[in-house]
N, C-alpha and C. Protein backbone atom coordinates (compact mmCIF):
# COMPACT_ATOMS: atom_id res chain seq x y z
N MET A 1 -1.39 -1.19 21.54
CA MET A 1 -1.70 -2.33 20.76
C MET A 1 -0.79 -2.35 19.51
N LEU A 2 -0.19 -3.45 19.21
CA LEU A 2 0.56 -3.59 18.00
C LEU A 2 -0.31 -3.91 16.86
N ILE A 3 0.08 -3.48 15.67
CA ILE A 3 -0.71 -3.75 14.49
C ILE A 3 0.22 -4.41 13.48
N ALA A 4 -0.21 -5.53 12.93
CA ALA A 4 0.55 -6.25 11.87
C ALA A 4 -0.13 -5.93 10.56
N LEU A 5 0.59 -5.22 9.69
CA LEU A 5 0.05 -4.95 8.36
C LEU A 5 0.61 -6.04 7.43
N HIS A 6 -0.22 -6.71 6.78
CA HIS A 6 0.17 -7.90 5.99
C HIS A 6 -0.29 -7.71 4.55
N LYS A 7 0.57 -8.00 3.63
CA LYS A 7 0.23 -7.87 2.21
C LYS A 7 -0.85 -8.88 1.90
N ARG A 8 -1.85 -8.42 1.20
CA ARG A 8 -2.97 -9.26 0.87
C ARG A 8 -2.57 -10.39 -0.07
N ALA A 9 -2.92 -11.61 0.34
CA ALA A 9 -2.61 -12.77 -0.53
C ALA A 9 -3.72 -12.87 -1.59
N ARG A 10 -3.36 -13.03 -2.81
CA ARG A 10 -4.32 -13.04 -3.92
C ARG A 10 -5.14 -14.34 -3.97
N THR A 11 -4.55 -15.41 -3.49
CA THR A 11 -5.23 -16.72 -3.69
C THR A 11 -5.94 -17.26 -2.47
N THR A 12 -5.89 -16.53 -1.36
CA THR A 12 -6.51 -17.04 -0.16
C THR A 12 -8.00 -16.98 -0.25
N PRO A 13 -8.74 -18.08 -0.12
CA PRO A 13 -10.18 -18.08 -0.24
C PRO A 13 -10.82 -17.21 0.83
N ALA A 14 -10.28 -17.18 2.05
CA ALA A 14 -10.89 -16.39 3.11
C ALA A 14 -10.80 -14.90 2.78
N VAL A 15 -9.72 -14.52 2.12
CA VAL A 15 -9.54 -13.10 1.76
C VAL A 15 -10.57 -12.73 0.66
N ARG A 16 -10.76 -13.64 -0.30
CA ARG A 16 -11.77 -13.35 -1.36
C ARG A 16 -13.16 -13.27 -0.75
N ALA A 17 -13.45 -14.11 0.26
CA ALA A 17 -14.76 -14.14 0.84
C ALA A 17 -15.00 -12.91 1.73
N GLU A 18 -13.99 -12.49 2.45
CA GLU A 18 -14.12 -11.37 3.38
C GLU A 18 -13.14 -10.29 3.03
N ILE A 19 -13.47 -9.48 2.03
CA ILE A 19 -12.57 -8.44 1.58
C ILE A 19 -12.23 -7.51 2.70
N GLY A 20 -10.96 -7.36 2.93
CA GLY A 20 -10.45 -6.40 3.92
C GLY A 20 -10.32 -6.93 5.31
N GLU A 21 -10.79 -8.15 5.63
CA GLU A 21 -10.72 -8.66 6.96
C GLU A 21 -10.01 -9.99 6.96
N PRO A 22 -9.05 -10.19 7.87
CA PRO A 22 -8.41 -11.52 8.00
C PRO A 22 -9.47 -12.56 8.40
N SER A 23 -9.28 -13.74 7.97
CA SER A 23 -10.29 -14.82 8.26
C SER A 23 -10.27 -15.23 9.73
N GLY A 24 -9.12 -15.14 10.37
CA GLY A 24 -8.97 -15.64 11.73
C GLY A 24 -8.62 -17.10 11.78
N GLU A 25 -8.68 -17.75 10.61
CA GLU A 25 -8.36 -19.19 10.54
C GLU A 25 -6.93 -19.49 10.17
N HIS A 26 -6.24 -18.50 9.54
CA HIS A 26 -4.85 -18.70 9.13
C HIS A 26 -3.94 -18.70 10.37
N GLU A 27 -2.85 -19.45 10.28
CA GLU A 27 -1.88 -19.52 11.38
C GLU A 27 -1.39 -18.14 11.83
N PHE A 28 -1.12 -17.26 10.85
CA PHE A 28 -0.68 -15.88 11.17
C PHE A 28 -1.74 -15.13 11.94
N ASP A 29 -3.01 -15.28 11.52
CA ASP A 29 -4.12 -14.63 12.25
C ASP A 29 -4.20 -15.10 13.68
N GLN A 30 -4.01 -16.39 13.87
CA GLN A 30 -4.14 -16.97 15.23
C GLN A 30 -2.93 -16.53 16.08
N LEU A 31 -1.75 -16.43 15.51
CA LEU A 31 -0.59 -15.94 16.24
C LEU A 31 -0.81 -14.48 16.67
N CYS A 32 -1.28 -13.66 15.74
CA CYS A 32 -1.57 -12.27 16.09
C CYS A 32 -2.56 -12.18 17.25
N GLN A 33 -3.61 -12.96 17.17
CA GLN A 33 -4.63 -12.95 18.20
C GLN A 33 -4.05 -13.36 19.53
N ALA A 34 -3.22 -14.42 19.53
CA ALA A 34 -2.63 -14.89 20.78
C ALA A 34 -1.72 -13.85 21.41
N LEU A 35 -1.05 -13.02 20.56
CA LEU A 35 -0.13 -12.00 21.05
C LEU A 35 -0.78 -10.63 21.24
N GLY A 36 -2.09 -10.58 21.02
CA GLY A 36 -2.80 -9.29 21.18
C GLY A 36 -2.48 -8.27 20.14
N ILE A 37 -2.16 -8.75 18.93
CA ILE A 37 -1.82 -7.87 17.80
C ILE A 37 -2.99 -7.79 16.84
N GLU A 38 -3.37 -6.59 16.47
CA GLU A 38 -4.42 -6.40 15.48
C GLU A 38 -3.87 -6.66 14.11
N HIS A 39 -4.41 -7.60 13.40
CA HIS A 39 -3.90 -7.99 12.07
C HIS A 39 -4.80 -7.28 11.03
N ARG A 40 -4.19 -6.47 10.22
CA ARG A 40 -4.90 -5.80 9.12
C ARG A 40 -4.31 -6.20 7.79
N LEU A 41 -5.19 -6.33 6.79
CA LEU A 41 -4.72 -6.57 5.43
C LEU A 41 -4.70 -5.26 4.63
N THR A 42 -3.81 -5.21 3.67
CA THR A 42 -3.78 -4.00 2.81
C THR A 42 -5.03 -4.02 1.92
N LYS A 43 -5.41 -2.84 1.47
CA LYS A 43 -6.60 -2.74 0.58
C LYS A 43 -6.22 -3.24 -0.81
N PRO A 44 -7.21 -3.82 -1.53
CA PRO A 44 -6.94 -4.30 -2.89
C PRO A 44 -6.45 -3.12 -3.77
N LYS A 45 -5.58 -3.44 -4.70
CA LYS A 45 -5.11 -2.51 -5.70
C LYS A 45 -4.39 -1.26 -5.06
N THR A 46 -3.61 -1.52 -4.02
CA THR A 46 -2.85 -0.44 -3.41
C THR A 46 -1.37 -0.88 -3.40
N PRO A 47 -0.73 -0.85 -4.58
CA PRO A 47 0.66 -1.34 -4.66
C PRO A 47 1.61 -0.54 -3.78
N GLN A 48 1.31 0.74 -3.54
CA GLN A 48 2.27 1.53 -2.70
C GLN A 48 2.26 0.98 -1.27
N THR A 49 1.12 0.51 -0.75
CA THR A 49 1.08 -0.06 0.58
C THR A 49 1.79 -1.40 0.59
N ASN A 50 1.54 -2.23 -0.43
CA ASN A 50 2.23 -3.51 -0.51
C ASN A 50 3.76 -3.27 -0.58
N GLY A 51 4.18 -2.23 -1.33
CA GLY A 51 5.58 -1.92 -1.43
C GLY A 51 6.20 -1.57 -0.09
N MET A 52 5.47 -0.83 0.73
CA MET A 52 5.98 -0.47 2.06
C MET A 52 6.13 -1.71 2.89
N VAL A 53 5.16 -2.62 2.85
CA VAL A 53 5.26 -3.87 3.62
C VAL A 53 6.44 -4.69 3.13
N GLU A 54 6.55 -4.82 1.79
CA GLU A 54 7.64 -5.60 1.23
C GLU A 54 9.03 -5.01 1.56
N ARG A 55 9.13 -3.66 1.55
CA ARG A 55 10.39 -3.02 1.86
C ARG A 55 10.78 -3.29 3.33
N PHE A 56 9.85 -3.15 4.19
CA PHE A 56 10.12 -3.41 5.61
C PHE A 56 10.53 -4.86 5.81
N ASN A 57 9.74 -5.80 5.23
CA ASN A 57 10.10 -7.22 5.36
C ASN A 57 11.44 -7.52 4.79
N GLY A 58 11.82 -6.83 3.65
CA GLY A 58 13.11 -7.01 3.08
C GLY A 58 14.23 -6.54 3.97
N ARG A 59 14.00 -5.43 4.68
CA ARG A 59 15.01 -4.94 5.64
C ARG A 59 15.21 -5.95 6.78
N ILE A 60 14.13 -6.49 7.27
CA ILE A 60 14.25 -7.50 8.34
C ILE A 60 15.00 -8.73 7.79
N SER A 61 14.65 -9.14 6.56
CA SER A 61 15.30 -10.27 5.95
C SER A 61 16.83 -10.02 5.81
N ASP A 62 17.22 -8.79 5.44
CA ASP A 62 18.64 -8.48 5.33
C ASP A 62 19.36 -8.64 6.67
N ILE A 63 18.69 -8.20 7.75
CA ILE A 63 19.30 -8.33 9.09
C ILE A 63 19.47 -9.82 9.40
N LEU A 64 18.48 -10.62 9.11
CA LEU A 64 18.54 -12.04 9.41
C LEU A 64 19.64 -12.74 8.62
N LYS A 65 19.90 -12.26 7.36
CA LYS A 65 20.90 -12.88 6.50
C LYS A 65 22.31 -12.45 6.89
N THR A 66 22.50 -11.25 7.43
CA THR A 66 23.82 -10.71 7.63
C THR A 66 24.34 -10.78 9.08
N HIS A 67 23.52 -11.28 9.99
CA HIS A 67 23.92 -11.39 11.36
C HIS A 67 23.98 -12.83 11.83
N HIS A 68 24.91 -13.12 12.68
CA HIS A 68 24.99 -14.45 13.34
C HIS A 68 24.45 -14.25 14.74
N PHE A 69 23.42 -14.98 15.07
CA PHE A 69 22.80 -14.88 16.38
C PHE A 69 23.23 -16.06 17.23
N ARG A 70 23.63 -15.74 18.44
CA ARG A 70 24.15 -16.79 19.34
C ARG A 70 23.01 -17.44 20.11
N SER A 71 21.87 -16.81 20.14
CA SER A 71 20.74 -17.36 20.89
C SER A 71 19.44 -16.66 20.43
N GLY A 72 18.35 -17.25 20.86
CA GLY A 72 17.05 -16.64 20.56
C GLY A 72 16.96 -15.25 21.20
N GLU A 73 17.56 -15.07 22.37
CA GLU A 73 17.54 -13.77 23.04
C GLU A 73 18.35 -12.73 22.24
N ASP A 74 19.44 -13.18 21.67
CA ASP A 74 20.32 -12.30 20.82
C ASP A 74 19.49 -11.86 19.59
N LEU A 75 18.74 -12.79 18.95
CA LEU A 75 17.89 -12.43 17.83
C LEU A 75 16.83 -11.43 18.26
N ARG A 76 16.16 -11.74 19.36
CA ARG A 76 15.08 -10.87 19.86
C ARG A 76 15.63 -9.45 20.15
N ALA A 77 16.76 -9.36 20.81
CA ALA A 77 17.37 -8.01 21.12
C ALA A 77 17.71 -7.28 19.84
N THR A 78 18.28 -7.98 18.87
CA THR A 78 18.64 -7.33 17.58
C THR A 78 17.42 -6.82 16.88
N LEU A 79 16.34 -7.57 16.79
CA LEU A 79 15.15 -7.13 16.15
C LEU A 79 14.49 -5.97 16.91
N HIS A 80 14.53 -6.00 18.21
CA HIS A 80 14.00 -4.85 19.00
C HIS A 80 14.82 -3.60 18.74
N ARG A 81 16.16 -3.73 18.67
CA ARG A 81 16.99 -2.55 18.34
C ARG A 81 16.63 -2.02 16.97
N TYR A 82 16.42 -2.91 16.00
CA TYR A 82 16.12 -2.43 14.65
C TYR A 82 14.77 -1.73 14.63
N VAL A 83 13.78 -2.30 15.26
CA VAL A 83 12.44 -1.68 15.25
C VAL A 83 12.55 -0.32 15.96
N ASP A 84 13.30 -0.24 17.00
CA ASP A 84 13.47 1.08 17.71
C ASP A 84 14.14 2.07 16.79
N LEU A 85 15.18 1.65 16.09
CA LEU A 85 15.88 2.52 15.15
C LEU A 85 14.90 2.96 14.06
N TYR A 86 14.15 2.02 13.47
CA TYR A 86 13.22 2.30 12.39
C TYR A 86 12.16 3.32 12.85
N ASN A 87 11.58 3.11 14.01
CA ASN A 87 10.51 3.97 14.51
C ASN A 87 10.93 5.38 14.96
N HIS A 88 12.19 5.44 15.49
CA HIS A 88 12.61 6.70 16.08
C HIS A 88 13.66 7.50 15.23
N GLN A 89 14.37 6.83 14.34
CA GLN A 89 15.51 7.45 13.70
C GLN A 89 15.47 7.55 12.19
N LEU A 90 14.73 6.70 11.55
CA LEU A 90 14.73 6.60 10.07
C LEU A 90 13.56 7.36 9.44
N PRO A 91 13.80 8.54 8.88
CA PRO A 91 12.74 9.26 8.23
C PRO A 91 12.20 8.45 7.04
N GLN A 92 10.88 8.53 6.83
CA GLN A 92 10.26 7.80 5.73
C GLN A 92 9.64 8.75 4.70
N ALA A 93 9.98 8.50 3.46
CA ALA A 93 9.44 9.38 2.38
C ALA A 93 7.91 9.38 2.40
N ALA A 94 7.31 8.22 2.66
CA ALA A 94 5.87 8.10 2.66
C ALA A 94 5.24 8.92 3.81
N LEU A 95 6.02 9.30 4.78
CA LEU A 95 5.56 10.09 5.92
C LEU A 95 6.03 11.55 5.84
N GLY A 96 6.43 11.98 4.65
CA GLY A 96 6.87 13.33 4.46
C GLY A 96 8.20 13.63 5.09
N GLY A 97 9.06 12.64 5.12
CA GLY A 97 10.39 12.84 5.68
C GLY A 97 10.44 12.77 7.20
N LYS A 98 9.36 12.31 7.81
CA LYS A 98 9.31 12.17 9.29
C LYS A 98 9.56 10.74 9.67
N THR A 99 9.96 10.55 10.91
CA THR A 99 10.09 9.17 11.42
C THR A 99 8.64 8.72 11.74
N PRO A 100 8.44 7.40 11.86
CA PRO A 100 7.10 6.93 12.24
C PRO A 100 6.62 7.55 13.59
N LEU A 101 7.51 7.68 14.54
CA LEU A 101 7.07 8.25 15.82
C LEU A 101 6.67 9.72 15.66
N GLN A 102 7.45 10.49 14.89
CA GLN A 102 7.07 11.90 14.65
C GLN A 102 5.71 11.97 13.96
N ALA A 103 5.47 11.15 12.98
CA ALA A 103 4.16 11.15 12.28
C ALA A 103 3.05 10.75 13.21
N MET A 104 3.31 9.75 14.08
CA MET A 104 2.31 9.30 15.02
C MET A 104 1.94 10.42 16.00
N LYS A 105 2.94 11.14 16.45
CA LYS A 105 2.66 12.25 17.41
C LYS A 105 1.81 13.35 16.72
N GLU A 106 2.06 13.63 15.45
CA GLU A 106 1.24 14.56 14.72
C GLU A 106 -0.18 14.07 14.57
N TRP A 107 -0.36 12.78 14.25
CA TRP A 107 -1.67 12.20 14.15
C TRP A 107 -2.40 12.27 15.48
N PHE A 108 -1.68 12.04 16.55
CA PHE A 108 -2.27 12.10 17.86
C PHE A 108 -2.82 13.51 18.17
N LYS A 109 -2.07 14.52 17.77
CA LYS A 109 -2.50 15.90 18.01
C LYS A 109 -3.84 16.20 17.29
N SER A 110 -3.95 15.72 16.06
CA SER A 110 -5.14 16.00 15.26
C SER A 110 -6.27 14.95 15.42
N ASN A 111 -5.95 13.76 15.89
CA ASN A 111 -6.95 12.71 15.99
C ASN A 111 -6.73 11.91 17.29
N PRO A 112 -6.77 12.50 18.44
CA PRO A 112 -6.51 11.73 19.66
C PRO A 112 -7.47 10.54 19.90
N GLU A 113 -8.66 10.62 19.31
CA GLU A 113 -9.62 9.52 19.47
C GLU A 113 -9.20 8.21 18.85
N LEU A 114 -8.21 8.24 17.98
CA LEU A 114 -7.72 7.04 17.33
C LEU A 114 -6.74 6.22 18.21
N PHE A 115 -6.29 6.84 19.32
CA PHE A 115 -5.25 6.26 20.15
C PHE A 115 -5.80 5.74 21.46
N HIS A 116 -5.18 4.66 21.94
CA HIS A 116 -5.50 4.12 23.26
C HIS A 116 -4.74 4.87 24.36
N ARG A 117 -3.56 5.38 23.99
CA ARG A 117 -2.76 6.22 24.89
C ARG A 117 -1.87 7.13 24.10
N ARG A 118 -1.36 8.12 24.78
CA ARG A 118 -0.49 9.14 24.10
C ARG A 118 0.84 8.51 23.69
N PRO A 119 1.30 8.75 22.48
CA PRO A 119 2.58 8.18 22.05
C PRO A 119 3.75 8.89 22.74
N TYR A 120 4.71 8.14 23.20
CA TYR A 120 5.90 8.64 23.88
C TYR A 120 7.15 8.26 23.07
N ASP A 121 8.28 8.81 23.48
CA ASP A 121 9.56 8.50 22.84
C ASP A 121 10.20 7.22 23.38
N ARG A 122 9.41 6.20 23.59
CA ARG A 122 9.93 4.95 24.06
C ARG A 122 9.21 3.82 23.38
N PRO A 123 9.91 2.72 23.11
CA PRO A 123 9.26 1.57 22.47
C PRO A 123 8.40 0.82 23.47
N GLY A 124 7.51 -0.01 22.96
CA GLY A 124 6.71 -0.84 23.81
C GLY A 124 5.33 -1.00 23.26
N CYS A 125 4.60 -1.96 23.81
CA CYS A 125 3.22 -2.21 23.38
C CYS A 125 2.31 -1.08 23.85
N ASP A 126 1.29 -0.86 23.03
CA ASP A 126 0.26 0.12 23.42
C ASP A 126 -0.82 -0.65 24.11
N THR A 127 -0.75 -0.67 25.43
CA THR A 127 -1.72 -1.47 26.23
C THR A 127 -2.70 -0.55 26.94
């Protein structure tokens, strides 16, 4: 299962009414649901988490600004390559210098009940 971590919007009435849970009424919520993605909001007053989301979104934005895409498939392939690079090759300070996949494998060893399946060295949906 994919998870979309989204920076909490301060002015969304649904967010104020349901702290910590997406309303399900926003277009982004509906898109996540249609694609089988679990949408989570960041916790209030956690700027470090918001910073991680903003940094990742900024990296994707940089790719979109600096590349010329010849087709939608070219865009899709480029984004998949970047996500693969990010998950498998780029160590993250927030993860103790590990890549996201390395950290996930460690979490799996200590908390296998949190996973639907064992993490492998390959990209793809967790179905």
